[in-house]
Amino acid sequence: MLTGPRIGPDPIPFPAFVQYLRQPMGQMPPYTVKVISDAELENVYAFLKSLPKPAPAKTIRLLNQ
């Protein structure tokens, strides 16, 4: 299975995040400054950093039945 970099809740470092969006590998189109500004990318990154970490599967009762 192909996956991209981890973007939340503990995202990759901001410079790597920007590079991944501006110059992606594979089939994803680039998100140029015309599409999303650097300031908007900073806001998206701040939001991703604010997401809480998910609960471990072992603490979810229904998954352990």
Protein backbone atom coordinates (compact mmCIF):
# COMPACT_ATOMS: atom_id res chain seq x y z
CA MET A 1 0.00 0.00 0.00
CA LEU A 2 1.34 3.43 -0.93
CA THR A 3 1.09 6.14 1.69
CA GLY A 4 2.23 9.70 2.01
CA PRO A 5 4.02 11.37 4.89
CA ARG A 6 2.39 11.64 8.26
CA ILE A 7 0.56 14.97 8.41
CA GLY A 8 -1.40 14.69 11.64
CA PRO A 9 -1.70 14.71 14.54
CA ASP A 10 2.11 14.77 14.79
CA PRO A 11 3.05 16.12 11.35
CA ILE A 12 6.37 15.96 9.56
CA PRO A 13 8.56 19.08 10.02
CA PHE A 14 7.15 22.22 8.36
CA PRO A 15 9.87 22.52 5.65
CA ALA A 16 9.24 18.90 4.60
CA PHE A 17 5.47 19.55 4.63
CA VAL A 18 5.88 22.54 2.31
CA GLN A 19 8.21 20.64 -0.03
CA TYR A 20 5.82 17.69 -0.18
CA LEU A 21 2.96 19.97 -1.22
CA ARG A 22 4.96 22.18 -3.58
CA GLN A 23 6.99 19.37 -5.22
CA PRO A 24 5.16 16.07 -4.62
CA MET A 25 6.36 12.70 -5.82
CA GLY A 26 4.08 10.40 -7.74
CA GLN A 27 0.65 11.31 -9.02
CA MET A 28 -0.32 14.13 -6.66
CA PRO A 29 -0.39 17.51 -8.41
CA PRO A 30 1.71 20.29 -6.88
CA TYR A 31 0.04 22.94 -4.76
CA THR A 32 1.69 26.09 -6.09
CA VAL A 33 1.62 29.52 -4.45
CA LYS A 34 -1.20 30.36 -6.89
CA VAL A 35 -3.29 27.60 -5.28
CA ILE A 36 -2.35 28.05 -1.61
CA SER A 37 -0.13 30.76 -0.15
CA ASP A 38 2.72 30.17 2.29
CA ALA A 39 0.65 31.87 4.99
CA GLU A 40 -2.25 29.49 4.32
CA LEU A 41 0.14 26.52 4.48
CA GLU A 42 1.31 27.77 7.88
CA ASN A 43 -2.32 27.88 9.04
CA VAL A 44 -3.00 24.35 7.77
CA TYR A 45 0.16 23.10 9.48
CA ALA A 46 -0.81 24.81 12.75
CA PHE A 47 -4.21 23.12 12.57
CA LEU A 48 -2.62 19.70 11.96
CA LYS A 49 -0.30 20.23 14.94
CA SER A 50 -3.32 21.08 17.11
CA LEU A 51 -5.07 17.75 16.49
CA PRO A 52 -5.07 15.43 19.50
CA LYS A 53 -3.30 12.12 19.21
CA PRO A 54 -5.72 9.22 18.75
CA ALA A 55 -6.34 6.85 21.62
CA PRO A 56 -4.34 3.61 21.48
CA ALA A 57 -6.43 0.75 20.07
CA LYS A 58 -6.02 -1.21 23.32
CA THR A 59 -8.00 1.49 25.17
CA ILE A 60 -10.99 1.27 22.82
CA ARG A 61 -13.32 -1.27 24.42
CA LEU A 62 -15.14 -2.34 21.23
CA LEU A 63 -11.88 -3.16 19.48
CA ASN A 64 -10.87 -5.50 22.28
CA GLN A 65 -14.00 -7.67 22.44
